C-alpha atoms as a PDB file:
ATOM      1  CA  MET A   1      79.234 111.810 107.799  1.00  0.00           C
ATOM      2  CA  ALA A   2      81.489 111.242 110.775  1.00  0.00           C
ATOM      3  CA  GLY A   3      81.845 112.877 114.212  1.00  0.00           C
ATOM      4  CA  TYR A   4      84.898 112.926 116.637  1.00  0.00           C
ATOM      5  CA  ARG A   5      84.286 114.030 119.540  1.00  0.00           C
ATOM      6  CA  ALA A   6      87.401 114.131 122.152  1.00  0.00           C
ATOM      7  CA  THR A   7      87.505 116.531 125.922  1.00  0.00           C
ATOM      8  CA  VAL A   8      89.735 118.701 126.838  1.00  0.00           C
ATOM      9  CA  GLU A   9      90.783 119.364 130.452  1.00  0.00           C
ATOM     10  CA  TRP A  10      92.783 122.010 132.286  1.00  0.00           C
ATOM     11  CA  LYS A  11      92.754 123.040 135.953  1.00  0.00           C
ATOM     12  CA  ARG A  12      94.344 125.716 137.537  1.00  0.00           C
ATOM     13  CA  LEU A  13      95.107 123.782 141.352  1.00  0.00           C
ATOM     14  CA  GLY A  14      96.121 127.135 142.847  1.00  0.00           C
ATOM     15  CA  ALA A  15      98.237 129.071 140.694  1.00  0.00           C
ATOM     16  CA  LYS A  16      98.363 132.087 140.647  1.00  0.00           C
ATOM     17  CA  PHE A  17      97.298 132.111 137.152  1.00  0.00           C
ATOM     18  CA  ILE A  18      96.960 135.983 135.857  1.00  0.00           C
ATOM     19  CA  ASP A  19     100.796 135.971 136.462  1.00  0.00           C
ATOM     20  CA  GLN A  20     101.254 133.531 133.385  1.00  0.00           C
ATOM     21  CA  LYS A  21     103.088 131.260 136.282  1.00  0.00           C
ATOM     22  CA  TYR A  22     100.845 128.481 135.837  1.00  0.00           C
ATOM     23  CA  GLN A  23     100.899 124.180 134.610  1.00  0.00           C
ATOM     24  CA  ARG A  24     100.512 123.950 131.472  1.00  0.00           C
ATOM     25  CA  VAL A  25      99.540 120.079 131.705  1.00  0.00           C
ATOM     26  CA  HIS A  26      96.232 118.949 131.493  1.00  0.00           C
ATOM     27  CA  THR A  27      94.367 115.101 129.672  1.00  0.00           C
ATOM     28  CA  TRP A  28      93.418 114.368 126.671  1.00  0.00           C
ATOM     29  CA  THR A  29      90.091 111.518 126.722  1.00  0.00           C
ATOM     30  CA  PHE A  30      88.716 110.008 123.764  1.00  0.00           C
ATOM     31  CA  GLU A  31      85.842 108.424 122.863  1.00  0.00           C
ATOM     32  CA  ASN A  32      87.337 105.113 123.539  1.00  0.00           C
ATOM     33  CA  GLY A  33      87.992 105.628 126.761  1.00  0.00           C
ATOM     34  CA  LEU A  34      91.571 106.685 126.261  1.00  0.00           C
ATOM     35  CA  THR A  35      93.272 109.237 128.538  1.00  0.00           C
ATOM     36  CA  MET A  36      96.626 110.806 127.788  1.00  0.00           C
ATOM     37  CA  LYS A  37      98.596 113.884 129.410  1.00  0.00           C
ATOM     38  CA  ALA A  38      99.467 116.815 127.237  1.00  0.00           C
ATOM     39  CA  ALA A  39     101.042 119.604 127.434  1.00  0.00           C
ATOM     40  CA  ALA A  40     102.556 122.744 125.883  1.00  0.00           C
ATOM     41  CA  SER A  41     105.271 122.661 124.049  1.00  0.00           C
ATOM     42  CA  HIS A  42     109.135 123.061 125.941  1.00  0.00           C
ATOM     43  CA  HIS A  43     109.674 125.567 122.526  1.00  0.00           C
ATOM     44  CA  ILE A  44     107.007 127.840 123.620  1.00  0.00           C
ATOM     45  CA  VAL A  45     106.877 127.759 127.000  1.00  0.00           C
ATOM     46  CA  PRO A  46     109.105 127.748 129.893  1.00  0.00           C
ATOM     47  CA  GLU A  47     110.052 123.848 131.079  1.00  0.00           C
ATOM     48  CA  SER A  48     109.111 124.826 134.674  1.00  0.00           C
ATOM     49  CA  TYR A  49     105.174 125.738 133.276  1.00  0.00           C
ATOM     50  CA  THR A  50     105.251 122.450 130.980  1.00  0.00           C
ATOM     51  CA  ASP A  51     105.685 118.668 130.795  1.00  0.00           C
ATOM     52  CA  LEU A  52     108.054 116.855 128.337  1.00  0.00           C
ATOM     53  CA  SER A  53     107.254 113.645 129.104  1.00  0.00           C
ATOM     54  CA  VAL A  54     104.365 114.107 127.631  1.00  0.00           C
ATOM     55  CA  ILE A  55     102.589 114.968 123.426  1.00  0.00           C
ATOM     56  CA  ASP A  56     102.179 119.094 123.476  1.00  0.00           C
ATOM     57  CA  PRO A  57      99.992 119.573 120.672  1.00  0.00           C
ATOM     58  CA  GLU A  58     102.125 120.274 117.734  1.00  0.00           C
ATOM     59  CA  GLU A  59     103.839 116.850 117.908  1.00  0.00           C
ATOM     60  CA  ALA A  60     100.034 115.492 118.227  1.00  0.00           C
ATOM     61  CA  PHE A  61      99.203 117.875 114.522  1.00  0.00           C
ATOM     62  CA  THR A  62     102.267 116.762 112.551  1.00  0.00           C
ATOM     63  CA  ALA A  63     101.995 112.929 114.040  1.00  0.00           C
ATOM     64  CA  SER A  64      98.286 112.876 112.937  1.00  0.00           C
ATOM     65  CA  VAL A  65      99.251 113.746 109.231  1.00  0.00           C
ATOM     66  CA  ALA A  66     102.011 111.595 108.974  1.00  0.00           C
ATOM     67  CA  SER A  67      99.738 108.210 110.739  1.00  0.00           C
ATOM     68  CA  CYS A  68      96.795 109.525 107.991  1.00  0.00           C
ATOM     69  CA  HIS A  69      98.920 109.113 105.273  1.00  0.00           C
ATOM     70  CA  MET A  70     100.623 106.314 106.197  1.00  0.00           C
ATOM     71  CA  LEU A  71      96.973 104.972 106.062  1.00  0.00           C
ATOM     72  CA  TRP A  72      95.992 105.413 102.798  1.00  0.00           C
ATOM     73  CA  PHE A  73      99.528 104.295 101.574  1.00  0.00           C
ATOM     74  CA  LEU A  74      99.393 101.177 103.138  1.00  0.00           C
ATOM     75  CA  SER A  75      95.820 100.291 102.007  1.00  0.00           C
ATOM     76  CA  LEU A  76      96.555 101.587  98.836  1.00  0.00           C
ATOM     77  CA  ALA A  77      99.464  99.069  98.799  1.00  0.00           C
ATOM     78  CA  ALA A  78      97.877  96.517  99.867  1.00  0.00           C
ATOM     79  CA  GLY A  79      95.324  97.332  97.407  1.00  0.00           C
ATOM     80  CA  LYS A  80      97.838  96.815  94.222  1.00  0.00           C
ATOM     81  CA  GLY A  81      98.904  93.624  95.289  1.00  0.00           C
ATOM     82  CA  PHE A  82     102.423  95.432  97.028  1.00  0.00           C
ATOM     83  CA  LEU A  83     103.339  93.184 100.212  1.00  0.00           C
ATOM     84  CA  VAL A  84     104.258  95.785 103.022  1.00  0.00           C
ATOM     85  CA  ASN A  85     106.410  94.527 105.857  1.00  0.00           C
ATOM     86  CA  GLU A  86     107.478  97.477 107.094  1.00  0.00           C
ATOM     87  CA  TYR A  87     106.303 101.457 107.488  1.00  0.00           C
ATOM     88  CA  LEU A  88     109.013 103.585 109.261  1.00  0.00           C
ATOM     89  CA  ASP A  89     108.904 107.488 109.516  1.00  0.00           C
ATOM     90  CA  HIS A  90     110.500 110.311 110.964  1.00  0.00           C
ATOM     91  CA  SER A  91     108.306 112.951 110.350  1.00  0.00           C
ATOM     92  CA  GLU A  92     108.771 116.247 111.065  1.00  0.00           C
ATOM     93  CA  GLY A  93     106.566 119.864 111.922  1.00  0.00           C
ATOM     94  CA  ILE A  94     108.187 122.820 111.437  1.00  0.00           C
ATOM     95  CA  LEU A  95     106.627 125.673 113.759  1.00  0.00           C
ATOM     96  CA  GLU A  96     107.269 129.643 112.889  1.00  0.00           C
ATOM     97  CA  LYS A  97     105.527 132.779 111.127  1.00  0.00           C
ATOM     98  CA  ASN A  98     103.206 132.356 108.306  1.00  0.00           C
ATOM     99  CA  SER A  99     102.678 134.863 105.592  1.00  0.00           C
ATOM    100  CA  GLU A 100     100.451 136.776 108.165  1.00  0.00           C
ATOM    101  CA  GLY A 101     103.037 137.300 110.655  1.00  0.00           C
ATOM    102  CA  ASN A 102     101.134 134.863 113.239  1.00  0.00           C
ATOM    103  CA  LEU A 103     103.074 131.668 115.175  1.00  0.00           C
ATOM    104  CA  ALA A 104     101.474 128.274 112.684  1.00  0.00           C
ATOM    105  CA  MET A 105     102.816 125.016 111.221  1.00  0.00           C
ATOM    106  CA  THR A 106     103.853 125.737 108.449  1.00  0.00           C
ATOM    107  CA  ARG A 107     105.265 122.340 106.892  1.00  0.00           C
ATOM    108  CA  ILE A 108     105.349 119.158 108.058  1.00  0.00           C
ATOM    109  CA  ILE A 109     107.737 116.574 106.423  1.00  0.00           C
ATOM    110  CA  ILE A 110     106.850 113.346 105.812  1.00  0.00           C
ATOM    111  CA  ARG A 111     109.972 110.977 105.546  1.00  0.00           C
ATOM    112  CA  PRO A 112     108.355 107.551 105.669  1.00  0.00           C
ATOM    113  CA  VAL A 113     110.891 104.109 104.858  1.00  0.00           C
ATOM    114  CA  VAL A 114     108.544 101.387 103.380  1.00  0.00           C
ATOM    115  CA  ILE A 115     110.343  97.945 103.605  1.00  0.00           C
ATOM    116  CA  PHE A 116     108.194  95.787 100.479  1.00  0.00           C
ATOM    117  CA  ASP A 117     108.952  92.150 100.424  1.00  0.00           C
ATOM    118  CA  ALA A 118     111.259  91.575  97.526  1.00  0.00           C
ATOM    119  CA  ASP A 119     108.215  89.311  95.575  1.00  0.00           C
ATOM    120  CA  ARG A 120     105.512  92.011  96.015  1.00  0.00           C
ATOM    121  CA  ALA A 121     107.621  95.418  95.568  1.00  0.00           C
ATOM    122  CA  PRO A 122     106.406  98.558  93.230  1.00  0.00           C
ATOM    123  CA  ASN A 123     108.858 100.074  90.662  1.00  0.00           C
ATOM    124  CA  GLU A 124     110.495 103.329  92.131  1.00  0.00           C
ATOM    125  CA  THR A 125     107.776 105.029  89.815  1.00  0.00           C
ATOM    126  CA  ASP A 126     104.501 103.014  91.714  1.00  0.00           C
ATOM    127  CA  PHE A 127     106.068 103.556  94.605  1.00  0.00           C
ATOM    128  CA  ILE A 128     106.002 107.863  94.106  1.00  0.00           C
ATOM    129  CA  GLU A 129     102.481 107.772  92.713  1.00  0.00           C
ATOM    130  CA  LEU A 130     100.864 105.425  95.459  1.00  0.00           C
ATOM    131  CA  HIS A 131     102.762 108.615  98.117  1.00  0.00           C
ATOM    132  CA  GLU A 132     100.868 111.019  95.288  1.00  0.00           C
ATOM    133  CA  LYS A 133      97.537 109.171  95.746  1.00  0.00           C
ATOM    134  CA  ALA A 134      97.992 108.879  99.823  1.00  0.00           C
ATOM    135  CA  HIS A 135      98.592 112.056 100.174  1.00  0.00           C
ATOM    136  CA  LYS A 136      95.586 113.744  98.244  1.00  0.00           C
ATOM    137  CA  LYS A 137      93.033 110.887  99.812  1.00  0.00           C
ATOM    138  CA  CYS A 138      94.258 111.751 103.457  1.00  0.00           C
ATOM    139  CA  PHE A 139      91.584 113.991 105.259  1.00  0.00           C
ATOM    140  CA  ILE A 140      93.906 115.729 107.364  1.00  0.00           C
ATOM    141  CA  ALA A 141      96.355 116.806 104.838  1.00  0.00           C
ATOM    142  CA  ASN A 142      92.972 118.187 103.285  1.00  0.00           C
ATOM    143  CA  SER A 143      91.714 119.840 106.067  1.00  0.00           C
ATOM    144  CA  ILE A 144      95.163 121.690 106.943  1.00  0.00           C
ATOM    145  CA  LYS A 145      96.869 124.546 105.446  1.00  0.00           C
ATOM    146  CA  SER A 146     100.750 123.424 106.230  1.00  0.00           C
ATOM    147  CA  GLU A 147     102.927 122.592 103.543  1.00  0.00           C
ATOM    148  CA  ILE A 148     103.202 118.663 103.234  1.00  0.00           C
ATOM    149  CA  LEU A 149     106.757 117.922 101.950  1.00  0.00           C
ATOM    150  CA  ILE A 150     106.745 113.827 101.102  1.00  0.00           C
ATOM    151  CA  LYS A 151     110.260 112.403 100.919  1.00  0.00           C
ATOM    152  CA  PRO A 152     109.973 108.800 100.862  1.00  0.00           C
ATOM    153  CA  LYS A 153     111.890 105.887 100.514  1.00  0.00           C
ATOM    154  CA  MET A 154     111.817 102.555  99.532  1.00  0.00           C
ATOM    155  CA  LYS A 155     113.508  98.962 100.433  1.00  0.00           C
ATOM    156  CA  THR A 156     113.173  95.299  99.685  1.00  0.00           C
ATOM    157  CA  ASP A 157     112.692  92.567 102.060  1.00  0.00           C
ATOM    158  CA  PRO A 158     114.112  88.371 100.900  1.00  0.00           C
ATOM    159  CA  ALA A 159     110.802  86.903 100.564  1.00  0.00           C
ATOM    160  CA  LEU A 160     109.967  85.667 103.680  1.00  0.00           C
END
């Protein structure tokens, strides 16, 4: 078993608070000392109460699912002897009401474009199978109720 820790810190900084007119910017600090600012999404609160230049939890959630999938995909591809030159994913998380009527991240769409070395690339069947196996191994995907759609594309580079 592994444990993961993060510290989330927010301060009122003199805002009235009970009128709901307070800043939603806060700090995430991780075990390795990395600190980053986060804030509520501008889709949830007025822009004057957030910071568009920092990450919001919904973006982080989407990136976490996509990153976990990518890391498993790369590991599986390497294990099969396929040479990945580049992996680019423009993933998207959908926030909407779920079947219980609550706002939830109901769907994550992963759109990886994977560029392989032409001499060490899988066929289309193996490529899709790698994504299916990566999805099954991804602990983040295995931990959530959100639907995850994977729409991969494969390209090849000439041998380097």
